[in-house]
């Protein structure tokens, strides 16, 4: 699936939705605190890696790093009214379950080539406590193939936004911590990618442990 799009129109829609809906919700409803925003390069190719505990994580991260970030999302989410339009506006691209990591990696590389920052959840799926315990090498492989720096981001509190039995997002406090840039891997060797993956997971978990 091609992610080519009219840049000016895409950015205009992104910023209009961000400032009219996402940003007000983050600052008034979720009382978000953002630490480390100065670590985000506002131009150039970039791979954002983070923990993951909520469907709300992609637009939260994209808003807090102050630039559009394209995320892979389950293709089932593109069939949900309203949510489908929101995640696509925020650069999400569908990935089919069972197609393996190669399709997801190709999509992330294509997004970077088309001028987006790409986002990958290091665990590959949501975790109930928002900590990363089983990080996957796919994110670092994308960084190596695209030769882009890595921005570690920690989300605290998002696992409480949706609670069992209630479809209404809860007004819980959220904290986003943004770490310092990490250089792109020097190769695609399995051993190097595995070590850098573990390093990224450790950085994100340490930021998460700082709490609110």
Protein backbone atom coordinates (compact mmCIF):
# COMPACT_ATOMS: atom_id res chain seq x y z
CA UNK A 1 0.00 0.00 0.00
CA UNK A 2 1.49 3.32 -1.03
CA UNK A 3 1.68 6.03 1.59
CA UNK A 4 2.19 8.80 -0.96
CA UNK A 5 -0.05 11.74 -0.18
CA UNK A 6 -0.26 15.46 -0.78
CA UNK A 7 2.14 16.80 1.90
CA UNK A 8 0.52 20.21 2.39
CA UNK A 9 -3.00 18.82 2.69
CA UNK A 10 -1.87 15.98 4.96
CA UNK A 11 0.01 18.31 7.30
CA UNK A 12 -2.84 20.83 7.34
CA UNK A 13 -5.35 18.15 8.36
CA UNK A 14 -2.94 16.70 10.91
CA UNK A 15 -2.32 20.05 12.61
CA UNK A 16 -6.00 21.06 12.48
CA UNK A 17 -7.04 17.86 14.24
CA UNK A 18 -4.14 18.03 16.68
CA UNK A 19 -4.83 21.57 17.87
CA UNK A 20 -8.64 21.32 17.83
CA UNK A 21 -9.07 17.88 19.45
CA UNK A 22 -5.96 15.97 20.55
CA UNK A 23 -3.98 18.76 22.23
CA UNK A 24 -6.92 20.15 24.24
CA UNK A 25 -7.82 16.64 25.44
CA UNK A 26 -4.23 15.91 26.45
CA UNK A 27 -3.76 19.10 28.43
CA UNK A 28 -7.20 19.50 30.02
CA UNK A 29 -8.70 16.01 30.24
CA UNK A 30 -5.55 13.92 30.76
CA UNK A 31 -3.42 16.70 32.32
CA UNK A 32 -0.40 15.50 30.37
CA UNK A 33 3.13 16.27 31.52
CA UNK A 34 5.85 16.20 28.85
CA UNK A 35 9.53 15.88 29.70
CA UNK A 36 12.40 16.00 27.21
CA UNK A 37 10.63 17.70 24.30
CA UNK A 38 13.91 19.46 23.49
CA UNK A 39 15.36 16.07 22.45
CA UNK A 40 13.09 15.80 19.40
CA UNK A 41 14.56 16.84 16.02
CA UNK A 42 11.81 18.72 14.19
CA UNK A 43 12.99 17.72 10.74
CA UNK A 44 14.80 14.85 9.08
CA UNK A 45 14.21 11.09 9.14
CA UNK A 46 13.49 9.58 12.53
CA UNK A 47 12.37 6.36 14.19
CA UNK A 48 10.37 6.70 17.41
CA UNK A 49 10.33 3.66 19.73
CA UNK A 50 8.19 3.38 22.84
CA UNK A 51 6.29 1.21 25.24
CA UNK A 52 2.63 0.52 24.49
CA UNK A 53 -0.42 0.09 26.73
CA UNK A 54 -3.34 1.80 24.98
CA UNK A 55 -4.94 2.36 21.58
CA UNK A 56 -4.54 6.07 22.37
CA UNK A 57 -0.73 5.86 22.40
CA UNK A 58 -0.03 6.77 18.73
CA UNK A 59 -1.84 10.15 18.68
CA UNK A 60 -0.52 10.96 22.17
CA UNK A 61 3.08 10.39 21.10
CA UNK A 62 2.65 12.18 17.80
CA UNK A 63 1.24 15.24 19.58
CA UNK A 64 3.85 15.27 22.33
CA UNK A 65 6.87 15.01 20.00
CA UNK A 66 5.38 17.87 17.96
CA UNK A 67 5.68 16.23 14.57
CA UNK A 68 3.63 13.62 12.67
CA UNK A 69 4.61 10.03 13.46
CA UNK A 70 3.33 7.16 11.30
CA UNK A 71 2.47 3.97 13.20
CA UNK A 72 1.60 0.49 12.05
CA UNK A 73 -1.82 -0.62 13.26
CA UNK A 74 -3.87 -3.80 13.08
CA UNK A 75 -5.94 -3.76 9.91
CA UNK A 76 -9.03 -4.45 12.04
CA UNK A 77 -8.76 -0.93 13.49
CA UNK A 78 -9.29 0.54 10.02
CA UNK A 79 -12.82 -0.91 10.08
CA UNK A 80 -13.82 0.95 13.27
CA UNK A 81 -15.82 4.14 12.50
CA UNK A 82 -14.16 7.41 13.61
CA UNK A 83 -11.10 5.58 14.96
CA UNK A 84 -10.17 4.60 11.41
CA UNK A 85 -10.23 8.21 10.25
CA UNK A 86 -8.25 9.38 13.28
CA UNK A 87 -5.44 6.84 13.01
CA UNK A 88 -5.12 7.26 9.25
CA UNK A 89 -4.95 11.03 9.64
CA UNK A 90 -2.15 10.45 12.12
CA UNK A 91 -0.21 8.44 9.55
CA UNK A 92 -1.15 4.91 10.62
CA UNK A 93 -0.78 2.16 8.06
CA UNK A 94 -2.54 -1.22 8.25
CA UNK A 95 -0.61 -4.42 8.90
CA UNK A 96 -2.32 -7.79 8.53
CA UNK A 97 -1.94 -10.33 11.28
CA UNK A 98 -0.03 -13.36 10.09
CA UNK A 99 1.90 -11.54 7.36
CA UNK A 100 5.04 -11.47 9.50
CA UNK A 101 7.50 -8.73 10.33
CA UNK A 102 8.69 -8.18 6.75
CA UNK A 103 5.49 -6.43 5.66
CA UNK A 104 5.56 -4.17 8.72
CA UNK A 105 9.22 -3.33 8.17
CA UNK A 106 8.60 -2.49 4.49
CA UNK A 107 5.70 -0.21 5.48
CA UNK A 108 7.78 1.60 8.10
CA UNK A 109 10.63 2.12 5.61
CA UNK A 110 8.18 3.44 3.03
CA UNK A 111 6.77 5.94 5.53
CA UNK A 112 10.27 7.23 6.29
CA UNK A 113 11.00 7.54 2.56
CA UNK A 114 7.80 9.59 2.18
CA UNK A 115 8.90 12.09 4.81
CA UNK A 116 7.19 10.84 7.96
CA UNK A 117 8.83 9.95 11.23
CA UNK A 118 8.00 6.27 11.79
CA UNK A 119 6.90 4.89 15.14
CA UNK A 120 7.31 1.33 16.36
CA UNK A 121 6.24 -0.14 19.68
CA UNK A 122 9.24 -2.03 20.96
CA UNK A 123 7.21 -4.90 22.43
CA UNK A 124 5.08 -5.15 19.29
CA UNK A 125 1.85 -5.23 21.28
CA UNK A 126 0.17 -3.65 24.30
CA UNK A 127 1.29 -4.67 27.78
CA UNK A 128 -0.98 -4.36 30.86
CA UNK A 129 1.57 -2.48 32.99
CA UNK A 130 3.13 -0.45 30.14
CA UNK A 131 6.57 -1.97 30.79
CA UNK A 132 8.64 -3.62 28.08
CA UNK A 133 9.60 -7.19 28.96
CA UNK A 134 10.02 -8.86 25.57
CA UNK A 135 11.34 -6.28 23.06
CA UNK A 136 11.52 -7.24 19.40
CA UNK A 137 14.43 -6.46 17.05
CA UNK A 138 12.17 -5.22 14.24
CA UNK A 139 12.35 -1.56 15.27
CA UNK A 140 16.14 -1.51 15.29
CA UNK A 141 16.20 -3.32 11.95
CA UNK A 142 14.12 -0.48 10.49
CA UNK A 143 16.58 2.05 11.93
CA UNK A 144 19.53 0.15 10.48
CA UNK A 145 18.02 -0.25 7.02
CA UNK A 146 16.88 3.39 6.84
CA UNK A 147 20.02 4.66 8.61
CA UNK A 148 17.95 6.90 10.91
CA UNK A 149 18.43 7.92 14.56
CA UNK A 150 16.21 6.44 17.25
CA UNK A 151 14.12 8.46 19.71
CA UNK A 152 13.07 6.54 22.86
CA UNK A 153 9.75 7.60 24.37
CA UNK A 154 8.05 6.43 27.57
CA UNK A 155 4.32 6.64 28.21
CA UNK A 156 3.10 6.53 31.81
CA UNK A 157 -0.58 6.14 32.74
CA UNK A 158 -2.12 5.32 29.36
CA UNK A 159 -2.99 1.75 30.41
CA UNK A 160 -5.72 3.26 32.61
CA UNK A 161 -7.46 5.28 29.89
CA UNK A 162 -9.84 2.50 28.88
CA UNK A 163 -11.15 0.40 31.75
CA UNK A 164 -13.06 -2.85 31.51
CA UNK A 165 -16.78 -2.36 31.13
CA UNK A 166 -16.57 1.33 30.17
CA UNK A 167 -16.26 2.63 26.59
CA UNK A 168 -15.55 6.16 27.87
CA UNK A 169 -11.91 7.24 28.16
CA UNK A 170 -11.06 7.89 31.80
CA UNK A 171 -9.58 11.24 32.84
CA UNK A 172 -6.34 9.78 34.16
CA UNK A 173 -3.07 11.75 34.40
CA UNK A 174 -0.53 10.93 31.68
CA UNK A 175 3.20 11.56 31.60
CA UNK A 176 5.33 11.38 28.47
CA UNK A 177 9.13 11.26 28.78
CA UNK A 178 11.33 11.68 25.72
CA UNK A 179 14.90 10.42 25.87
CA UNK A 180 18.01 11.52 24.03
CA UNK A 181 18.59 10.51 20.42
CA UNK A 182 20.37 7.22 19.80
CA UNK A 183 22.52 6.81 16.69
CA UNK A 184 21.37 4.42 13.97
CA UNK A 185 22.78 0.89 14.23
CA UNK A 186 26.04 0.43 12.37
CA UNK A 187 24.89 -2.80 10.73
CA UNK A 188 22.01 -5.25 10.48
CA UNK A 189 23.89 -7.96 12.35
CA UNK A 190 21.57 -9.87 14.67
CA UNK A 191 23.85 -9.51 17.69
CA UNK A 192 24.18 -5.74 17.38
CA UNK A 193 20.45 -5.24 16.81
CA UNK A 194 19.61 -7.44 19.78
CA UNK A 195 21.89 -5.50 22.13
CA UNK A 196 20.60 -2.12 20.94
CA UNK A 197 17.03 -3.37 21.31
CA UNK A 198 17.71 -4.33 24.92
CA UNK A 199 19.40 -0.96 25.51
CA UNK A 200 16.36 0.91 24.16
CA UNK A 201 14.00 -1.18 26.29
CA UNK A 202 16.08 -0.45 29.39
CA UNK A 203 16.07 3.31 28.70
CA UNK A 204 12.30 3.37 28.20
CA UNK A 205 11.63 1.27 31.30
CA UNK A 206 13.86 3.53 33.40
CA UNK A 207 11.95 6.59 32.22
CA UNK A 208 8.65 4.81 32.93
CA UNK A 209 9.82 3.94 36.45
CA UNK A 210 10.14 7.67 37.18
CA UNK A 211 6.34 7.75 37.29
CA UNK A 212 4.30 10.91 37.22
